Amino acid sequence: MWRVLKDAGFNVSVIAASRIPRGYAAAAKNDRLDAVKLATYYARGLLRPIAIPSVEQEGYRALVRCRKRIAESRGKIKQKIKGFLRASGLDEPHSIQEWSLAASAD
């Protein structure tokens, strides 16, 4: 959304919710009061925008997350195979200790 608004010519700042100052709890709380509070904080310079990653950085992060999920999945599959062998009363083959990306590429 930031990119779409920025491309449309709007001055956009993204503020992390964890960086918004917390005041005393108001008796009434609604969207209008929250908007007034945020506008006041922004006008006083109390809100600092966060850095927005580039499209390339987002792609890299997605790739790293995907690789991590695959590696975790691969580890779980190995554990299932070892558990199945033990539950079946079979000894683990020696080659199972040498599982690696290079060994599984064959």
C-alpha atoms as a PDB file:
ATOM      1  CA  MET A   1       0.000   0.000   0.000  1.00  0.00           C
ATOM      2  CA  TRP A   2       2.895   2.344   0.795  1.00  0.00           C
ATOM      3  CA  ARG A   3       4.233   2.025  -2.748  1.00  0.00           C
ATOM      4  CA  VAL A   4       0.819   2.623  -4.345  1.00  0.00           C
ATOM      5  CA  LEU A   5       0.202   5.756  -2.279  1.00  0.00           C
ATOM      6  CA  LYS A   6       3.759   6.993  -2.834  1.00  0.00           C
ATOM      7  CA  ASP A   7       3.436   6.465  -6.599  1.00  0.00           C
ATOM      8  CA  ALA A   8       0.134   8.381  -6.525  1.00  0.00           C
ATOM      9  CA  GLY A   9       2.010  11.391  -5.121  1.00  0.00           C
ATOM     10  CA  PHE A  10       1.047  11.164  -1.450  1.00  0.00           C
ATOM     11  CA  ASN A  11       3.533  11.909   1.319  1.00  0.00           C
ATOM     12  CA  VAL A  12       3.397   8.648   3.282  1.00  0.00           C
ATOM     13  CA  SER A  13       5.039   7.700   6.573  1.00  0.00           C
ATOM     14  CA  VAL A  14       4.780   4.242   8.070  1.00  0.00           C
ATOM     15  CA  ILE A  15       4.973   4.222  11.841  1.00  0.00           C
ATOM     16  CA  ALA A  16       5.525   1.055  13.867  1.00  0.00           C
ATOM     17  CA  ALA A  17       2.749   0.570  16.410  1.00  0.00           C
ATOM     18  CA  SER A  18       5.355  -0.317  19.034  1.00  0.00           C
ATOM     19  CA  ARG A  19       6.918   3.145  18.628  1.00  0.00           C
ATOM     20  CA  ILE A  20       3.766   5.146  19.279  1.00  0.00           C
ATOM     21  CA  PRO A  21       3.938   6.850  22.701  1.00  0.00           C
ATOM     22  CA  ARG A  22       1.383   5.530  25.138  1.00  0.00           C
ATOM     23  CA  GLY A  23      -0.508   8.127  27.102  1.00  0.00           C
ATOM     24  CA  TYR A  24      -2.892   7.624  29.942  1.00  0.00           C
ATOM     25  CA  ALA A  25      -5.878   5.487  29.093  1.00  0.00           C
ATOM     26  CA  ALA A  26      -8.686   7.742  27.934  1.00  0.00           C
ATOM     27  CA  ALA A  27     -12.219   7.261  29.194  1.00  0.00           C
ATOM     28  CA  ALA A  28     -13.462   7.194  25.595  1.00  0.00           C
ATOM     29  CA  LYS A  29     -11.607   5.497  22.789  1.00  0.00           C
ATOM     30  CA  ASN A  30     -12.649   5.495  19.149  1.00  0.00           C
ATOM     31  CA  ASP A  31     -11.159   5.890  15.687  1.00  0.00           C
ATOM     32  CA  ARG A  32     -11.684   9.654  15.567  1.00  0.00           C
ATOM     33  CA  LEU A  33      -9.902  10.240  18.890  1.00  0.00           C
ATOM     34  CA  ASP A  34      -7.090   7.881  17.874  1.00  0.00           C
ATOM     35  CA  ALA A  35      -6.667   9.751  14.579  1.00  0.00           C
ATOM     36  CA  VAL A  36      -6.508  13.114  16.387  1.00  0.00           C
ATOM     37  CA  LYS A  37      -3.957  11.709  18.840  1.00  0.00           C
ATOM     38  CA  LEU A  38      -1.774  10.290  16.042  1.00  0.00           C
ATOM     39  CA  ALA A  39      -1.970  13.554  14.065  1.00  0.00           C
ATOM     40  CA  THR A  40      -0.958  15.513  17.168  1.00  0.00           C
ATOM     41  CA  TYR A  41       1.977  13.201  17.885  1.00  0.00           C
ATOM     42  CA  TYR A  42       3.098  13.423  14.250  1.00  0.00           C
ATOM     43  CA  ALA A  43       2.848  17.244  14.224  1.00  0.00           C
ATOM     44  CA  ARG A  44       4.962  17.416  17.398  1.00  0.00           C
ATOM     45  CA  GLY A  45       7.601  15.143  15.859  1.00  0.00           C
ATOM     46  CA  LEU A  46       6.998  12.318  18.341  1.00  0.00           C
ATOM     47  CA  LEU A  47       6.502   9.680  15.648  1.00  0.00           C
ATOM     48  CA  ARG A  48       9.448   8.383  13.653  1.00  0.00           C
ATOM     49  CA  PRO A  49       8.831   6.530  10.384  1.00  0.00           C
ATOM     50  CA  ILE A  50      10.335   3.107   9.829  1.00  0.00           C
ATOM     51  CA  ALA A  51      12.414   2.159   6.797  1.00  0.00           C
ATOM     52  CA  ILE A  52      10.452   0.485   4.022  1.00  0.00           C
ATOM     53  CA  PRO A  53      12.384  -2.291   2.266  1.00  0.00           C
ATOM     54  CA  SER A  54      12.827  -2.086  -1.478  1.00  0.00           C
ATOM     55  CA  VAL A  55      11.141  -4.613  -3.777  1.00  0.00           C
ATOM     56  CA  GLU A  56      14.499  -6.353  -4.140  1.00  0.00           C
ATOM     57  CA  GLN A  57      14.966  -6.546  -0.359  1.00  0.00           C
ATOM     58  CA  GLU A  58      11.450  -7.921   0.100  1.00  0.00           C
ATOM     59  CA  GLY A  59      12.174 -10.575  -2.523  1.00  0.00           C
ATOM     60  CA  TYR A  60      15.385 -11.548  -0.762  1.00  0.00           C
ATOM     61  CA  ARG A  61      13.593 -11.777   2.595  1.00  0.00           C
ATOM     62  CA  ALA A  62      10.876 -13.952   1.054  1.00  0.00           C
ATOM     63  CA  LEU A  63      13.546 -16.237  -0.409  1.00  0.00           C
ATOM     64  CA  VAL A  64      15.284 -16.574   2.960  1.00  0.00           C
ATOM     65  CA  ARG A  65      11.973 -17.346   4.715  1.00  0.00           C
ATOM     66  CA  CYS A  66      11.131 -19.951   2.074  1.00  0.00           C
ATOM     67  CA  ARG A  67      14.551 -21.580   2.423  1.00  0.00           C
ATOM     68  CA  LYS A  68      14.123 -21.702   6.197  1.00  0.00           C
ATOM     69  CA  ARG A  69      10.700 -23.380   5.873  1.00  0.00           C
ATOM     70  CA  ILE A  70      12.124 -25.964   3.454  1.00  0.00           C
ATOM     71  CA  ALA A  71      15.085 -26.701   5.739  1.00  0.00           C
ATOM     72  CA  GLU A  72      12.764 -27.142   8.735  1.00  0.00           C
ATOM     73  CA  SER A  73      10.470 -29.388   6.703  1.00  0.00           C
ATOM     74  CA  ARG A  74      13.414 -31.466   5.548  1.00  0.00           C
ATOM     75  CA  GLY A  75      14.570 -31.922   9.159  1.00  0.00           C
ATOM     76  CA  LYS A  76      11.093 -33.058  10.221  1.00  0.00           C
ATOM     77  CA  ILE A  77      10.974 -35.579   7.376  1.00  0.00           C
ATOM     78  CA  LYS A  78      14.337 -36.987   8.454  1.00  0.00           C
ATOM     79  CA  GLN A  79      13.063 -37.349  12.022  1.00  0.00           C
ATOM     80  CA  LYS A  80       9.934 -39.153  10.771  1.00  0.00           C
ATOM     81  CA  ILE A  81      12.025 -41.590   8.741  1.00  0.00           C
ATOM     82  CA  LYS A  82      14.309 -42.300  11.689  1.00  0.00           C
ATOM     83  CA  GLY A  83      11.308 -42.725  13.996  1.00  0.00           C
ATOM     84  CA  PHE A  84       9.645 -45.101  11.549  1.00  0.00           C
ATOM     85  CA  LEU A  85      12.797 -47.210  11.309  1.00  0.00           C
ATOM     86  CA  ARG A  86      13.109 -47.404  15.110  1.00  0.00           C
ATOM     87  CA  ALA A  87       9.394 -48.158  15.570  1.00  0.00           C
ATOM     88  CA  SER A  88       9.692 -50.926  12.976  1.00  0.00           C
ATOM     89  CA  GLY A  89      12.635 -52.449  14.829  1.00  0.00           C
ATOM     90  CA  LEU A  90      15.034 -51.730  12.002  1.00  0.00           C
ATOM     91  CA  ASP A  91      18.556 -50.483  12.506  1.00  0.00           C
ATOM     92  CA  GLU A  92      19.416 -47.179  10.941  1.00  0.00           C
ATOM     93  CA  PRO A  93      21.681 -47.640   7.927  1.00  0.00           C
ATOM     94  CA  HIS A  94      25.111 -46.097   8.325  1.00  0.00           C
ATOM     95  CA  SER A  95      24.444 -43.794   5.384  1.00  0.00           C
ATOM     96  CA  ILE A  96      21.651 -42.092   7.328  1.00  0.00           C
ATOM     97  CA  GLN A  97      24.318 -40.349   9.406  1.00  0.00           C
ATOM     98  CA  GLU A  98      25.748 -38.792   6.264  1.00  0.00           C
ATOM     99  CA  TRP A  99      22.575 -37.055   5.069  1.00  0.00           C
ATOM    100  CA  SER A 100      23.421 -33.735   3.556  1.00  0.00           C
ATOM    101  CA  LEU A 101      22.448 -31.698   0.530  1.00  0.00           C
ATOM    102  CA  ALA A 102      25.344 -33.238  -1.404  1.00  0.00           C
ATOM    103  CA  ALA A 103      24.425 -36.802  -0.409  1.00  0.00           C
ATOM    104  CA  SER A 104      20.718 -36.352  -1.173  1.00  0.00           C
ATOM    105  CA  ALA A 105      21.444 -34.881  -4.603  1.00  0.00           C
ATOM    106  CA  ASP A 106      22.282 -38.351  -5.988  1.00  0.00           C
END
